[in-house]
Amino acid sequence: MVISLMLTAMAAMAVPASIHEVALLDQAPFYSAGPTVTVAVGDTVRWKNPMTKDGAMHTVTQMGCLTGDACEFDSGVMAPGAEFSHVFVQAGAYRYRCRLHAPMEGVIVVNGQGGKAAQ
């Protein structure tokens, strides 16, 4: 009985969400984690614009924000040293890019419950 209750309590505990760090780079591949990052539902992705000698500004903008479709995240312009985080609560593929530098594109693939088409 006690073991059964302990197993039930352990099963009910949530797995803690992870934080995935992505540095914005001024040269290809543009993102320190590569163009595709895979996370789980509930995880956070934190993008950082590092302090560099050229002081480039960047954005992290979901493609839907640029096309008038669903817009779940947009960092706005990030100065060097700035950070932006987003918690992904639904499974799917989330395409994003830097509004200031068109070649800077990436995808966050979120695995877990529920589904969503790439946006």
Protein backbone atom coordinates (compact mmCIF):
# COMPACT_ATOMS: atom_id res chain seq x y z
CA MET A 1 0.00 0.00 0.00
CA VAL A 2 2.75 2.46 0.97
CA ILE A 3 4.80 1.55 -2.11
CA SER A 4 1.73 1.99 -4.31
CA LEU A 5 1.10 5.46 -2.86
CA MET A 6 4.76 6.41 -3.32
CA LEU A 7 4.72 5.30 -6.96
CA THR A 8 1.51 7.22 -7.57
CA ALA A 9 3.00 10.35 -6.01
CA MET A 10 6.19 10.00 -8.05
CA ALA A 11 4.21 9.59 -11.28
CA ALA A 12 2.24 12.74 -10.50
CA MET A 13 5.36 14.87 -10.18
CA ALA A 14 6.00 16.93 -13.30
CA VAL A 15 9.27 16.69 -15.14
CA PRO A 16 10.92 20.10 -14.82
CA ALA A 17 11.05 22.14 -18.00
CA SER A 18 14.41 22.88 -19.59
CA ILE A 19 15.96 26.13 -20.76
CA HIS A 20 17.72 26.02 -24.11
CA GLU A 21 20.26 28.78 -24.80
CA VAL A 22 20.81 30.13 -28.32
CA ALA A 23 23.38 32.84 -29.03
CA LEU A 24 22.78 35.07 -32.06
CA LEU A 25 25.86 35.08 -34.28
CA ASP A 26 26.85 37.60 -36.95
CA GLN A 27 28.04 34.89 -39.37
CA ALA A 28 26.62 31.60 -40.61
CA PRO A 29 25.29 29.43 -39.03
CA PHE A 30 23.88 32.56 -37.25
CA TYR A 31 22.68 30.61 -34.19
CA SER A 32 25.05 28.90 -31.76
CA ALA A 33 22.71 25.90 -31.49
CA GLY A 34 22.36 25.62 -35.28
CA PRO A 35 19.33 26.47 -37.40
CA THR A 36 17.06 23.88 -35.75
CA VAL A 37 16.54 23.44 -32.02
CA THR A 38 14.35 20.62 -30.66
CA VAL A 39 12.63 21.11 -27.31
CA ALA A 40 9.73 19.65 -25.33
CA VAL A 41 6.38 21.26 -24.60
CA GLY A 42 6.87 23.58 -21.62
CA ASP A 43 10.54 24.24 -22.34
CA THR A 44 11.98 27.73 -22.66
CA VAL A 45 14.27 28.95 -25.42
CA ARG A 46 16.47 31.89 -24.44
CA TRP A 47 18.15 33.80 -27.24
CA LYS A 48 21.11 36.02 -26.37
CA ASN A 49 22.61 38.78 -28.47
CA PRO A 50 26.21 38.69 -27.28
CA MET A 51 28.40 41.73 -26.85
CA THR A 52 30.54 41.88 -30.00
CA LYS A 53 32.93 44.47 -31.35
CA ASP A 54 30.57 45.39 -34.19
CA GLY A 55 27.58 45.81 -31.85
CA ALA A 56 25.03 44.25 -34.22
CA MET A 57 21.37 44.47 -33.28
CA HIS A 58 19.06 41.52 -33.97
CA THR A 59 15.47 40.34 -33.54
CA VAL A 60 13.91 36.93 -32.90
CA THR A 61 10.64 37.12 -34.79
CA GLN A 62 8.26 34.25 -35.52
CA MET A 63 7.49 34.14 -39.26
CA GLY A 64 3.76 34.63 -38.61
CA CYS A 65 4.51 38.09 -37.22
CA LEU A 66 5.96 39.03 -40.61
CA THR A 67 3.14 37.60 -42.71
CA GLY A 68 0.14 38.71 -40.66
CA ASP A 69 -0.53 35.17 -39.41
CA ALA A 70 -0.39 33.99 -35.80
CA CYS A 71 2.36 35.83 -33.94
CA GLU A 72 3.40 34.15 -30.70
CA PHE A 73 6.83 35.70 -30.20
CA ASP A 74 8.75 38.75 -31.33
CA SER A 75 11.68 40.05 -29.32
CA GLY A 76 11.72 43.51 -30.85
CA VAL A 77 15.16 44.92 -31.57
CA MET A 78 17.76 43.43 -29.25
CA ALA A 79 20.86 45.49 -28.49
CA PRO A 80 24.15 43.69 -27.80
CA GLY A 81 23.94 42.03 -24.39
CA ALA A 82 20.13 41.70 -24.52
CA GLU A 83 18.22 38.44 -24.00
CA PHE A 84 14.78 37.25 -25.05
CA SER A 85 12.95 34.12 -23.81
CA HIS A 86 9.84 32.29 -24.92
CA VAL A 87 8.09 29.30 -23.32
CA PHE A 88 6.72 26.87 -25.93
CA VAL A 89 3.40 25.46 -24.70
CA GLN A 90 2.20 23.65 -27.81
CA ALA A 91 3.87 21.05 -30.01
CA GLY A 92 4.80 22.05 -33.53
CA ALA A 93 7.45 23.71 -35.66
CA TYR A 94 7.99 27.44 -35.14
CA ARG A 95 9.95 29.20 -37.88
CA TYR A 96 11.62 32.49 -36.99
CA ARG A 97 14.09 35.00 -38.37
CA CYS A 98 15.88 38.24 -37.66
CA ARG A 99 13.91 41.14 -39.16
CA LEU A 100 17.16 43.09 -39.61
CA HIS A 101 19.16 40.31 -41.30
CA ALA A 102 17.10 38.22 -43.73
CA PRO A 103 19.53 35.26 -43.94
CA MET A 104 19.19 34.64 -40.19
CA GLU A 105 16.43 32.03 -40.04
CA GLY A 106 15.80 29.15 -37.66
CA VAL A 107 13.20 26.64 -36.49
CA ILE A 108 12.17 25.55 -33.01
CA VAL A 109 10.69 22.04 -33.11
CA VAL A 110 8.53 21.39 -30.06
CA ASN A 111 7.75 17.76 -29.24
CA GLY A 112 4.94 16.74 -26.90
CA GLN A 113 1.18 16.83 -26.53
CA GLY A 114 -0.97 18.68 -29.05
CA GLY A 115 0.13 19.70 -32.50
CA LYS A 116 0.56 22.77 -34.63
CA ALA A 117 1.70 23.36 -38.19
CA ALA A 118 4.88 25.30 -38.91
CA GLN A 119 4.34 29.04 -38.78
